[in-house]
Amino acid sequence: MSAIPWVNQLRTRGAVVAVGAPSGDDVLHLRVQMATAWDAIRVDAMPSDSVRAVKLNALEAFAPGALFPDEFTIKLRGHEILDETMSLADAGAIDGSIFLVAHRYRRPVR
């Protein structure tokens, strides 16, 4: 699979976050955005990796040591992925997919 250029370059910070040990031609190059942080990272993962693994690695990159990962949702194409144990391929992720991580409940603005 070939990486889509903007997934690799457009406003992502830091190094690429690798889920597991992605290798070979099947690696998915994903973009994960954190809604409340207005930030994005690039994640490399295998299609067989779970959605939860991507979410946990992204949360660790956005907020190291963050507690209570179940207080966050992960969405693909605007739809919340309710079963985070499913693989990325089963969730419908393809090379260049964009995931959104957000707080499960709306938080008041102060």
PDB file of N, CA and C in Angstrom:
ATOM      1  N   MET A   1       0.844  -1.181   0.000  1.00  0.00           N
ATOM      2  CA  MET A   1       0.000   0.000   0.000  1.00  0.00           C
ATOM      3  C   MET A   1       0.882   1.233   0.000  1.00  0.00           C
ATOM      4  N   SER A   2       0.519   2.210  -0.765  1.00  0.00           N
ATOM      5  CA  SER A   2       1.307   3.433  -0.799  1.00  0.00           C
ATOM      6  C   SER A   2       0.676   4.475   0.110  1.00  0.00           C
ATOM      7  N   ALA A   3       1.514   5.217   0.799  1.00  0.00           N
ATOM      8  CA  ALA A   3       1.031   6.230   1.730  1.00  0.00           C
ATOM      9  C   ALA A   3       0.542   7.446   0.979  1.00  0.00           C
ATOM     10  N   ILE A   4      -0.546   8.015   1.441  1.00  0.00           N
ATOM     11  CA  ILE A   4      -1.054   9.257   0.880  1.00  0.00           C
ATOM     12  C   ILE A   4      -0.198  10.385   1.442  1.00  0.00           C
ATOM     13  N   PRO A   5       0.381  11.241   0.582  1.00  0.00           N
ATOM     14  CA  PRO A   5       1.341  12.249   1.051  1.00  0.00           C
ATOM     15  C   PRO A   5       0.849  13.134   2.185  1.00  0.00           C
ATOM     16  N   TRP A   6      -0.393  13.602   2.158  1.00  0.00           N
ATOM     17  CA  TRP A   6      -0.816  14.525   3.194  1.00  0.00           C
ATOM     18  C   TRP A   6      -0.977  13.850   4.553  1.00  0.00           C
ATOM     19  N   VAL A   7      -1.204  12.571   4.576  1.00  0.00           N
ATOM     20  CA  VAL A   7      -1.265  11.858   5.853  1.00  0.00           C
ATOM     21  C   VAL A   7       0.115  11.861   6.505  1.00  0.00           C
ATOM     22  N   ASN A   8       1.143  11.789   5.697  1.00  0.00           N
ATOM     23  CA  ASN A   8       2.507  11.751   6.209  1.00  0.00           C
ATOM     24  C   ASN A   8       3.034  13.113   6.615  1.00  0.00           C
ATOM     25  N   GLN A   9       2.505  14.187   6.070  1.00  0.00           N
ATOM     26  CA  GLN A   9       3.137  15.479   6.250  1.00  0.00           C
ATOM     27  C   GLN A   9       2.264  16.567   6.860  1.00  0.00           C
ATOM     28  N   LEU A  10       0.994  16.599   6.598  1.00  0.00           N
ATOM     29  CA  LEU A  10       0.159  17.727   6.970  1.00  0.00           C
ATOM     30  C   LEU A  10      -0.042  17.845   8.472  1.00  0.00           C
ATOM     31  N   ARG A  11       0.547  18.831   9.048  1.00  0.00           N
ATOM     32  CA  ARG A  11       0.355  19.211  10.444  1.00  0.00           C
ATOM     33  C   ARG A  11       0.338  18.046  11.423  1.00  0.00           C
ATOM     34  N   THR A  12       1.292  17.175  11.317  1.00  0.00           N
ATOM     35  CA  THR A  12       1.447  16.139  12.334  1.00  0.00           C
ATOM     36  C   THR A  12       2.701  16.469  13.109  1.00  0.00           C
ATOM     37  N   ARG A  13       2.686  16.167  14.375  1.00  0.00           N
ATOM     38  CA  ARG A  13       3.827  16.527  15.204  1.00  0.00           C
ATOM     39  C   ARG A  13       4.615  15.302  15.611  1.00  0.00           C
ATOM     40  N   GLY A  14       5.863  15.528  15.885  1.00  0.00           N
ATOM     41  CA  GLY A  14       6.714  14.474  16.416  1.00  0.00           C
ATOM     42  C   GLY A  14       6.939  13.317  15.464  1.00  0.00           C
ATOM     43  N   ALA A  15       7.494  12.280  16.030  1.00  0.00           N
ATOM     44  CA  ALA A  15       7.813  11.080  15.259  1.00  0.00           C
ATOM     45  C   ALA A  15       6.546  10.267  15.004  1.00  0.00           C
ATOM     46  N   VAL A  16       6.654   9.354  14.085  1.00  0.00           N
ATOM     47  CA  VAL A  16       5.548   8.456  13.780  1.00  0.00           C
ATOM     48  C   VAL A  16       5.353   7.505  14.952  1.00  0.00           C
ATOM     49  N   VAL A  17       4.099   7.331  15.378  1.00  0.00           N
ATOM     50  CA  VAL A  17       3.773   6.401  16.448  1.00  0.00           C
ATOM     51  C   VAL A  17       3.509   5.046  15.814  1.00  0.00           C
ATOM     52  N   ALA A  18       4.261   4.050  16.220  1.00  0.00           N
ATOM     53  CA  ALA A  18       4.097   2.704  15.671  1.00  0.00           C
ATOM     54  C   ALA A  18       3.332   1.836  16.657  1.00  0.00           C
ATOM     55  N   VAL A  19       2.276   1.203  16.167  1.00  0.00           N
ATOM     56  CA  VAL A  19       1.502   0.262  16.978  1.00  0.00           C
ATOM     57  C   VAL A  19       2.069  -1.115  16.708  1.00  0.00           C
ATOM     58  N   GLY A  20       2.559  -1.770  17.732  1.00  0.00           N
ATOM     59  CA  GLY A  20       3.192  -3.070  17.545  1.00  0.00           C
ATOM     60  C   GLY A  20       4.479  -2.913  16.775  1.00  0.00           C
ATOM     61  N   ALA A  21       4.682  -3.775  15.798  1.00  0.00           N
ATOM     62  CA  ALA A  21       5.878  -3.723  14.962  1.00  0.00           C
ATOM     63  C   ALA A  21       5.456  -3.779  13.497  1.00  0.00           C
ATOM     64  N   PRO A  22       4.903  -2.668  12.975  1.00  0.00           N
ATOM     65  CA  PRO A  22       4.445  -2.693  11.593  1.00  0.00           C
ATOM     66  C   PRO A  22       5.597  -2.859  10.604  1.00  0.00           C
ATOM     67  N   SER A  23       5.404  -3.748   9.657  1.00  0.00           N
ATOM     68  CA  SER A  23       6.439  -3.961   8.643  1.00  0.00           C
ATOM     69  C   SER A  23       5.793  -4.543   7.396  1.00  0.00           C
ATOM     70  N   GLY A  24       6.483  -4.401   6.293  1.00  0.00           N
ATOM     71  CA  GLY A  24       5.997  -4.967   5.042  1.00  0.00           C
ATOM     72  C   GLY A  24       5.142  -3.990   4.264  1.00  0.00           C
ATOM     73  N   ASP A  25       4.491  -4.531   3.244  1.00  0.00           N
ATOM     74  CA  ASP A  25       3.686  -3.707   2.353  1.00  0.00           C
ATOM     75  C   ASP A  25       2.276  -3.451   2.872  1.00  0.00           C
ATOM     76  N   ASP A  26       1.871  -4.145   3.923  1.00  0.00           N
ATOM     77  CA  ASP A  26       0.504  -4.011   4.421  1.00  0.00           C
ATOM     78  C   ASP A  26       0.341  -2.929   5.485  1.00  0.00           C
ATOM     79  N   VAL A  27       1.379  -2.188   5.789  1.00  0.00           N
ATOM     80  CA  VAL A  27       1.308  -1.171   6.847  1.00  0.00           C
ATOM     81  C   VAL A  27       0.299  -0.094   6.464  1.00  0.00           C
ATOM     82  N   LEU A  28      -0.565   0.242   7.420  1.00  0.00           N
ATOM     83  CA  LEU A  28      -1.517   1.336   7.238  1.00  0.00           C
ATOM     84  C   LEU A  28      -0.906   2.604   7.820  1.00  0.00           C
ATOM     85  N   HIS A  29      -0.873   3.658   7.044  1.00  0.00           N
ATOM     86  CA  HIS A  29      -0.400   4.959   7.505  1.00  0.00           C
ATOM     87  C   HIS A  29      -1.650   5.763   7.845  1.00  0.00           C
ATOM     88  N   LEU A  30      -1.879   5.968   9.134  1.00  0.00           N
ATOM     89  CA  LEU A  30      -3.099   6.597   9.615  1.00  0.00           C
ATOM     90  C   LEU A  30      -2.805   7.974  10.199  1.00  0.00           C
ATOM     91  N   ARG A  31      -3.820   8.785  10.277  1.00  0.00           N
ATOM     92  CA  ARG A  31      -3.740  10.072  10.947  1.00  0.00           C
ATOM     93  C   ARG A  31      -4.750  10.017  12.089  1.00  0.00           C
ATOM     94  N   VAL A  32      -4.313  10.369  13.295  1.00  0.00           N
ATOM     95  CA  VAL A  32      -5.199  10.397  14.453  1.00  0.00           C
ATOM     96  C   VAL A  32      -5.211  11.829  14.973  1.00  0.00           C
ATOM     97  N   GLN A  33      -6.408  12.390  15.070  1.00  0.00           N
ATOM     98  CA  GLN A  33      -6.574  13.754  15.551  1.00  0.00           C
ATOM     99  C   GLN A  33      -7.220  13.733  16.926  1.00  0.00           C
ATOM    100  N   MET A  34      -6.794  14.650  17.776  1.00  0.00           N
ATOM    101  CA  MET A  34      -7.377  14.808  19.113  1.00  0.00           C
ATOM    102  C   MET A  34      -8.190  16.088  19.079  1.00  0.00           C
ATOM    103  N   ALA A  35      -9.495  15.948  19.233  1.00  0.00           N
ATOM    104  CA  ALA A  35     -10.399  17.084  19.056  1.00  0.00           C
ATOM    105  C   ALA A  35     -10.105  18.229  20.029  1.00  0.00           C
ATOM    106  N   THR A  36      -9.938  17.926  21.303  1.00  0.00           N
ATOM    107  CA  THR A  36      -9.770  18.987  22.286  1.00  0.00           C
ATOM    108  C   THR A  36      -8.375  19.591  22.271  1.00  0.00           C
ATOM    109  N   ALA A  37      -7.408  18.883  21.752  1.00  0.00           N
ATOM    110  CA  ALA A  37      -6.038  19.398  21.727  1.00  0.00           C
ATOM    111  C   ALA A  37      -5.709  20.091  20.404  1.00  0.00           C
ATOM    112  N   TRP A  38      -6.588  19.988  19.423  1.00  0.00           N
ATOM    113  CA  TRP A  38      -6.341  20.553  18.094  1.00  0.00           C
ATOM    114  C   TRP A  38      -4.980  20.101  17.590  1.00  0.00           C
ATOM    115  N   ASP A  39      -4.737  18.823  17.700  1.00  0.00           N
ATOM    116  CA  ASP A  39      -3.444  18.273  17.340  1.00  0.00           C
ATOM    117  C   ASP A  39      -3.644  16.983  16.567  1.00  0.00           C
ATOM    118  N   ALA A  40      -2.622  16.581  15.830  1.00  0.00           N
ATOM    119  CA  ALA A  40      -2.698  15.349  15.043  1.00  0.00           C
ATOM    120  C   ALA A  40      -1.346  14.659  15.039  1.00  0.00           C
ATOM    121  N   ILE A  41      -1.386  13.334  14.952  1.00  0.00           N
ATOM    122  CA  ILE A  41      -0.170  12.531  14.852  1.00  0.00           C
ATOM    123  C   ILE A  41      -0.355  11.523  13.725  1.00  0.00           C
ATOM    124  N   ARG A  42       0.761  10.989  13.265  1.00  0.00           N
ATOM    125  CA  ARG A  42       0.704   9.907  12.287  1.00  0.00           C
ATOM    126  C   ARG A  42       0.964   8.604  13.012  1.00  0.00           C
ATOM    127  N   VAL A  43       0.180   7.604  12.682  1.00  0.00           N
ATOM    128  CA  VAL A  43       0.292   6.291  13.305  1.00  0.00           C
ATOM    129  C   VAL A  43       0.477   5.256  12.196  1.00  0.00           C
ATOM    130  N   ASP A  44       1.451   4.385  12.371  1.00  0.00           N
ATOM    131  CA  ASP A  44       1.644   3.251  11.466  1.00  0.00           C
ATOM    132  C   ASP A  44       1.201   1.994  12.201  1.00  0.00           C
ATOM    133  N   ALA A  45       0.343   1.213  11.571  1.00  0.00           N
ATOM    134  CA  ALA A  45      -0.176  -0.004  12.194  1.00  0.00           C
ATOM    135  C   ALA A  45      -0.475  -1.037  11.117  1.00  0.00           C
ATOM    136  N   MET A  46      -0.624  -2.250  11.545  1.00  0.00           N
ATOM    137  CA  MET A  46      -1.004  -3.330  10.650  1.00  0.00           C
ATOM    138  C   MET A  46      -2.533  -3.427  10.622  1.00  0.00           C
ATOM    139  N   PRO A  47      -3.117  -3.884   9.531  1.00  0.00           N
ATOM    140  CA  PRO A  47      -4.573  -4.027   9.457  1.00  0.00           C
ATOM    141  C   PRO A  47      -5.147  -4.941  10.545  1.00  0.00           C
ATOM    142  N   SER A  48      -4.338  -5.842  11.067  1.00  0.00           N
ATOM    143  CA  SER A  48      -4.810  -6.771  12.098  1.00  0.00           C
ATOM    144  C   SER A  48      -4.752  -6.183  13.506  1.00  0.00           C
ATOM    145  N   ASP A  49      -4.120  -5.022  13.688  1.00  0.00           N
ATOM    146  CA  ASP A  49      -4.061  -4.386  15.012  1.00  0.00           C
ATOM    147  C   ASP A  49      -5.445  -3.888  15.399  1.00  0.00           C
ATOM    148  N   SER A  50      -5.708  -3.852  16.702  1.00  0.00           N
ATOM    149  CA  SER A  50      -7.031  -3.440  17.171  1.00  0.00           C
ATOM    150  C   SER A  50      -7.171  -1.917  17.169  1.00  0.00           C
ATOM    151  N   VAL A  51      -8.412  -1.494  17.091  1.00  0.00           N
ATOM    152  CA  VAL A  51      -8.722  -0.063  17.160  1.00  0.00           C
ATOM    153  C   VAL A  51      -8.316   0.472  18.528  1.00  0.00           C
ATOM    154  N   ARG A  52      -8.509  -0.324  19.562  1.00  0.00           N
ATOM    155  CA  ARG A  52      -8.146   0.110  20.919  1.00  0.00           C
ATOM    156  C   ARG A  52      -6.639   0.357  21.030  1.00  0.00           C
ATOM    157  N   ALA A  53      -5.828  -0.468  20.387  1.00  0.00           N
ATOM    158  CA  ALA A  53      -4.380  -0.268  20.427  1.00  0.00           C
ATOM    159  C   ALA A  53      -4.009   1.066  19.798  1.00  0.00           C
ATOM    160  N   VAL A  54      -4.667   1.422  18.711  1.00  0.00           N
ATOM    161  CA  VAL A  54      -4.411   2.722  18.078  1.00  0.00           C
ATOM    162  C   VAL A  54      -4.829   3.843  19.016  1.00  0.00           C
ATOM    163  N   LYS A  55      -6.003   3.701  19.633  1.00  0.00           N
ATOM    164  CA  LYS A  55      -6.498   4.730  20.553  1.00  0.00           C
ATOM    165  C   LYS A  55      -5.558   4.913  21.745  1.00  0.00           C
ATOM    166  N   LEU A  56      -5.123   3.816  22.350  1.00  0.00           N
ATOM    167  CA  LEU A  56      -4.239   3.908  23.518  1.00  0.00           C
ATOM    168  C   LEU A  56      -2.890   4.516  23.155  1.00  0.00           C
ATOM    169  N   ASN A  57      -2.324   4.133  22.015  1.00  0.00           N
ATOM    170  CA  ASN A  57      -1.050   4.709  21.596  1.00  0.00           C
ATOM    171  C   ASN A  57      -1.196   6.188  21.263  1.00  0.00           C
ATOM    172  N   ALA A  58      -2.300   6.564  20.664  1.00  0.00           N
ATOM    173  CA  ALA A  58      -2.534   7.978  20.351  1.00  0.00           C
ATOM    174  C   ALA A  58      -2.711   8.794  21.629  1.00  0.00           C
ATOM    175  N   LEU A  59      -3.474   8.277  22.585  1.00  0.00           N
ATOM    176  CA  LEU A  59      -3.650   8.996  23.851  1.00  0.00           C
ATOM    177  C   LEU A  59      -2.316   9.173  24.567  1.00  0.00           C
ATOM    178  N   GLU A  60      -1.478   8.158  24.514  1.00  0.00           N
ATOM    179  CA  GLU A  60      -0.157   8.256  25.148  1.00  0.00           C
ATOM    180  C   GLU A  60       0.691   9.326  24.466  1.00  0.00           C
ATOM    181  N   ALA A  61       0.542   9.471  23.171  1.00  0.00           N
ATOM    182  CA  ALA A  61       1.300  10.502  22.448  1.00  0.00           C
ATOM    183  C   ALA A  61       0.754  11.901  22.738  1.00  0.00           C
ATOM    184  N   PHE A  62      -0.567  12.022  22.842  1.00  0.00           N
ATOM    185  CA  PHE A  62      -1.171  13.329  23.087  1.00  0.00           C
ATOM    186  C   PHE A  62      -1.023  13.771  24.535  1.00  0.00           C
ATOM    187  N   ALA A  63      -1.229  12.851  25.468  1.00  0.00           N
ATOM    188  CA  ALA A  63      -1.187  13.177  26.895  1.00  0.00           C
ATOM    189  C   ALA A  63      -0.538  12.019  27.640  1.00  0.00           C
ATOM    190  N   PRO A  64       0.794  11.989  27.710  1.00  0.00           N
ATOM    191  CA  PRO A  64       1.473  10.879  28.382  1.00  0.00           C
ATOM    192  C   PRO A  64       0.961  10.671  29.809  1.00  0.00           C
ATOM    193  N   GLY A  65       0.667   9.434  30.122  1.00  0.00           N
ATOM    194  CA  GLY A  65       0.189   9.105  31.461  1.00  0.00           C
ATOM    195  C   GLY A  65      -1.279   9.420  31.673  1.00  0.00           C
ATOM    196  N   ALA A  66      -2.025   9.669  30.605  1.00  0.00           N
ATOM    197  CA  ALA A  66      -3.447   9.995  30.739  1.00  0.00           C
ATOM    198  C   ALA A  66      -4.189   8.828  31.388  1.00  0.00           C
ATOM    199  N   LEU A  67      -5.040   9.158  32.325  1.00  0.00           N
ATOM    200  CA  LEU A  67      -5.824   8.138  33.011  1.00  0.00           C
ATOM    201  C   LEU A  67      -7.174   7.983  32.328  1.00  0.00           C
ATOM    202  N   PHE A  68      -7.800   6.870  32.564  1.00  0.00           N
ATOM    203  CA  PHE A  68      -9.159   6.606  32.122  1.00  0.00           C
ATOM    204  C   PHE A  68      -9.354   6.711  30.605  1.00  0.00           C
ATOM    205  N   PRO A  69      -8.702   5.843  29.840  1.00  0.00           N
ATOM    206  CA  PRO A  69      -8.875   5.890  28.382  1.00  0.00           C
ATOM    207  C   PRO A  69     -10.304   5.598  27.932  1.00  0.00           C
ATOM    208  N   ASP A  70     -11.117   4.976  28.791  1.00  0.00           N
ATOM    209  CA  ASP A  70     -12.501   4.698  28.411  1.00  0.00           C
ATOM    210  C   ASP A  70     -13.363   5.949  28.398  1.00  0.00           C
ATOM    211  N   GLU A  71     -12.840   7.070  28.894  1.00  0.00           N
ATOM    212  CA  GLU A  71     -13.564   8.341  28.828  1.00  0.00           C
ATOM    213  C   GLU A  71     -13.431   8.994  27.449  1.00  0.00           C
ATOM    214  N   PHE A  72     -12.695   8.337  26.547  1.00  0.00           N
ATOM    215  CA  PHE A  72     -12.496   8.864  25.207  1.00  0.00           C
ATOM    216  C   PHE A  72     -13.116   7.932  24.183  1.00  0.00           C
ATOM    217  N   THR A  73     -13.636   8.504  23.121  1.00  0.00           N
ATOM    218  CA  THR A  73     -14.169   7.722  22.012  1.00  0.00           C
ATOM    219  C   THR A  73     -13.198   7.812  20.851  1.00  0.00           C
ATOM    220  N   ILE A  74     -13.341   6.897  19.925  1.00  0.00           N
ATOM    221  CA  ILE A  74     -12.573   6.969  18.684  1.00  0.00           C
ATOM    222  C   ILE A  74     -13.560   6.801  17.539  1.00  0.00           C
ATOM    223  N   LYS A  75     -13.421   7.684  16.561  1.00  0.00           N
ATOM    224  CA  LYS A  75     -14.356   7.694  15.438  1.00  0.00           C
ATOM    225  C   LYS A  75     -13.604   7.546  14.125  1.00  0.00           C
ATOM    226  N   LEU A  76     -14.267   6.917  13.183  1.00  0.00           N
ATOM    227  CA  LEU A  76     -13.760   6.779  11.822  1.00  0.00           C
ATOM    228  C   LEU A  76     -14.891   7.184  10.889  1.00  0.00           C
ATOM    229  N   ARG A  77     -14.620   8.135  10.012  1.00  0.00           N
ATOM    230  CA  ARG A  77     -15.626   8.674   9.086  1.00  0.00           C
ATOM    231  C   ARG A  77     -16.862   9.193   9.824  1.00  0.00           C
ATOM    232  N   GLY A  78     -16.659   9.772  11.010  1.00  0.00           N
ATOM    233  CA  GLY A  78     -17.751  10.379  11.760  1.00  0.00           C
ATOM    234  C   GLY A  78     -18.559   9.444  12.623  1.00  0.00           C
ATOM    235  N   HIS A  79     -18.258   8.158  12.575  1.00  0.00           N
ATOM    236  CA  HIS A  79     -19.019   7.184  13.355  1.00  0.00           C
ATOM    237  C   HIS A  79     -18.152   6.620  14.469  1.00  0.00           C
ATOM    238  N   GLU A  80     -18.714   6.596  15.679  1.00  0.00           N
ATOM    239  CA  GLU A  80     -17.984   6.031  16.808  1.00  0.00           C
ATOM    240  C   GLU A  80     -17.823   4.529  16.609  1.00  0.00           C
ATOM    241  N   ILE A  81     -16.632   4.041  16.893  1.00  0.00           N
ATOM    242  CA  ILE A  81     -16.376   2.607  16.838  1.00  0.00           C
ATOM    243  C   ILE A  81     -16.677   2.058  18.226  1.00  0.00           C
ATOM    244  N   LEU A  82     -17.784   1.345  18.346  1.00  0.00           N
ATOM    245  CA  LEU A  82     -18.243   0.869  19.648  1.00  0.00           C
ATOM    246  C   LEU A  82     -17.459  -0.346  20.125  1.00  0.00           C
ATOM    247  N   ASP A  83     -17.070  -1.215  19.203  1.00  0.00           N
ATOM    248  CA  ASP A  83     -16.299  -2.402  19.562  1.00  0.00           C
ATOM    249  C   ASP A  83     -14.829  -2.140  19.229  1.00  0.00           C
ATOM    250  N   GLU A  84     -14.091  -1.623  20.196  1.00  0.00           N
ATOM    251  CA  GLU A  84     -12.695  -1.256  19.966  1.00  0.00           C
ATOM    252  C   GLU A  84     -11.775  -2.455  19.872  1.00  0.00           C
ATOM    253  N   THR A  85     -12.279  -3.653  20.143  1.00  0.00           N
ATOM    254  CA  THR A  85     -11.434  -4.841  20.038  1.00  0.00           C
ATOM    255  C   THR A  85     -11.322  -5.327  18.593  1.00  0.00           C
ATOM    256  N   MET A  86     -12.153  -4.799  17.700  1.00  0.00           N
ATOM    257  CA  MET A  86     -12.088  -5.248  16.301  1.00  0.00           C
ATOM    258  C   MET A  86     -10.827  -4.722  15.638  1.00  0.00           C
ATOM    259  N   SER A  87     -10.416  -5.408  14.616  1.00  0.00           N
ATOM    260  CA  SER A  87      -9.206  -5.015  13.898  1.00  0.00           C
ATOM    261  C   SER A  87      -9.478  -3.760  13.072  1.00  0.00           C
ATOM    262  N   LEU A  88      -8.401  -3.093  12.692  1.00  0.00           N
ATOM    263  CA  LEU A  88      -8.529  -1.902  11.859  1.00  0.00           C
ATOM    264  C   LEU A  88      -9.199  -2.247  10.532  1.00  0.00           C
ATOM    265  N   ALA A  89      -8.846  -3.385   9.959  1.00  0.00           N
ATOM    266  CA  ALA A  89      -9.445  -3.808   8.690  1.00  0.00           C
ATOM    267  C   ALA A  89     -10.944  -4.030   8.844  1.00  0.00           C
ATOM    268  N   ASP A  90     -11.357  -4.678   9.938  1.00  0.00           N
ATOM    269  CA  ASP A  90     -12.781  -4.918  10.175  1.00  0.00           C
ATOM    270  C   ASP A  90     -13.540  -3.618  10.435  1.00  0.00           C
ATOM    271  N   ALA A  91     -12.865  -2.620  10.981  1.00  0.00           N
ATOM    272  CA  ALA A  91     -13.496  -1.327  11.241  1.00  0.00           C
ATOM    273  C   ALA A  91     -13.652  -0.505   9.967  1.00  0.00           C
ATOM    274  N   GLY A  92     -12.956  -0.909   8.909  1.00  0.00           N
ATOM    275  CA  GLY A  92     -13.061  -0.208   7.641  1.00  0.00           C
ATOM    276  C   GLY A  92     -11.925   0.754   7.365  1.00  0.00           C
ATOM    277  N   ALA A  93     -10.858   0.682   8.155  1.00  0.00           N
ATOM    278  CA  ALA A  93      -9.711   1.568   7.951  1.00  0.00           C
ATOM    279  C   ALA A  93      -8.926   1.135   6.721  1.00  0.00           C
ATOM    280  N   ILE A  94      -8.505   2.117   5.960  1.00  0.00           N
ATOM    281  CA  ILE A  94      -7.638   1.868   4.814  1.00  0.00           C
ATOM    282  C   ILE A  94      -6.420   2.777   4.953  1.00  0.00           C
ATOM    283  N   ASP A  95      -5.454   2.595   4.079  1.00  0.00           N
ATOM    284  CA  ASP A  95      -4.268   3.431   4.107  1.00  0.00           C
ATOM    285  C   ASP A  95      -4.694   4.883   3.912  1.00  0.00           C
ATOM    286  N   GLY A  96      -4.335   5.745   4.852  1.00  0.00           N
ATOM    287  CA  GLY A  96      -4.696   7.154   4.783  1.00  0.00           C
ATOM    288  C   GLY A  96      -5.938   7.519   5.575  1.00  0.00           C
ATOM    289  N   SER A  97      -6.526   6.583   6.302  1.00  0.00           N
ATOM    290  CA  SER A  97      -7.717   6.883   7.096  1.00  0.00           C
ATOM    291  C   SER A  97      -7.395   7.873   8.204  1.00  0.00           C
ATOM    292  N   ILE A  98      -8.409   8.630   8.583  1.00  0.00           N
ATOM    293  CA  ILE A  98      -8.264   9.615   9.652  1.00  0.00           C
ATOM    294  C   ILE A  98      -9.197   9.223  10.791  1.00  0.00           C
ATOM    295  N   PHE A  99      -8.628   9.054  11.980  1.00  0.00           N
ATOM    296  CA  PHE A  99      -9.403   8.747  13.174  1.00  0.00           C
ATOM    297  C   PHE A  99      -9.488  10.002  14.034  1.00  0.00           C
ATOM    298  N   LEU A 100     -10.591  10.151  14.761  1.00  0.00           N
ATOM    299  CA  LEU A 100     -10.778  11.264  15.682  1.00  0.00           C
ATOM    300  C   LEU A 100     -10.942  10.713  17.084  1.00  0.00           C
ATOM    301  N   VAL A 101     -10.129  11.188  18.004  1.00  0.00           N
ATOM    302  CA  VAL A 101     -10.241  10.812  19.415  1.00  0.00           C
ATOM    303  C   VAL A 101     -10.800  12.019  20.158  1.00  0.00           C
ATOM    304  N   ALA A 102     -11.858  11.794  20.925  1.00  0.00           N
ATOM    305  CA  ALA A 102     -12.501  12.896  21.641  1.00  0.00           C
ATOM    306  C   ALA A 102     -13.031  12.395  22.978  1.00  0.00           C
ATOM    307  N   HIS A 103     -13.312  13.332  23.878  1.00  0.00           N
ATOM    308  CA  HIS A 103     -13.930  12.965  25.149  1.00  0.00           C
ATOM    309  C   HIS A 103     -15.302  12.387  24.871  1.00  0.00           C
ATOM    310  N   ARG A 104     -15.656  11.368  25.631  1.00  0.00           N
ATOM    311  CA  ARG A 104     -16.947  10.710  25.442  1.00  0.00           C
ATOM    312  C   ARG A 104     -18.097  11.664  25.745  1.00  0.00           C
ATOM    313  N   TYR A 105     -17.954  12.458  26.753  1.00  0.00           N
ATOM    314  CA  TYR A 105     -19.006  13.395  27.143  1.00  0.00           C
ATOM    315  C   TYR A 105     -18.532  14.813  26.907  1.00  0.00           C
ATOM    316  N   ARG A 106     -19.455  15.656  26.529  1.00  0.00           N
ATOM    317  CA  ARG A 106     -19.101  17.055  26.315  1.00  0.00           C
ATOM    318  C   ARG A 106     -18.674  17.671  27.641  1.00  0.00           C
ATOM    319  N   ARG A 107     -17.654  18.497  27.544  1.00  0.00           N
ATOM    320  CA  ARG A 107     -17.132  19.141  28.750  1.00  0.00           C
ATOM    321  C   ARG A 107     -17.436  20.624  28.681  1.00  0.00           C
ATOM    322  N   PRO A 108     -17.838  21.217  29.800  1.00  0.00           N
ATOM    323  CA  PRO A 108     -18.173  22.647  29.770  1.00  0.00           C
ATOM    324  C   PRO A 108     -16.931  23.502  29.516  1.00  0.00           C
ATOM    325  N   VAL A 109     -17.148  24.578  28.801  1.00  0.00           N
ATOM    326  CA  VAL A 109     -16.072  25.526  28.534  1.00  0.00           C
ATOM    327  C   VAL A 109     -16.091  26.553  29.639  1.00  0.00           C
ATOM    328  N   ARG A 110     -14.914  26.823  30.193  1.00  0.00           N
ATOM    329  CA  ARG A 110     -14.851  27.802  31.302  1.00  0.00           C
ATOM    330  C   ARG A 110     -14.076  29.001  30.882  1.00  0.00           C
TER     331      ARG A 110
END
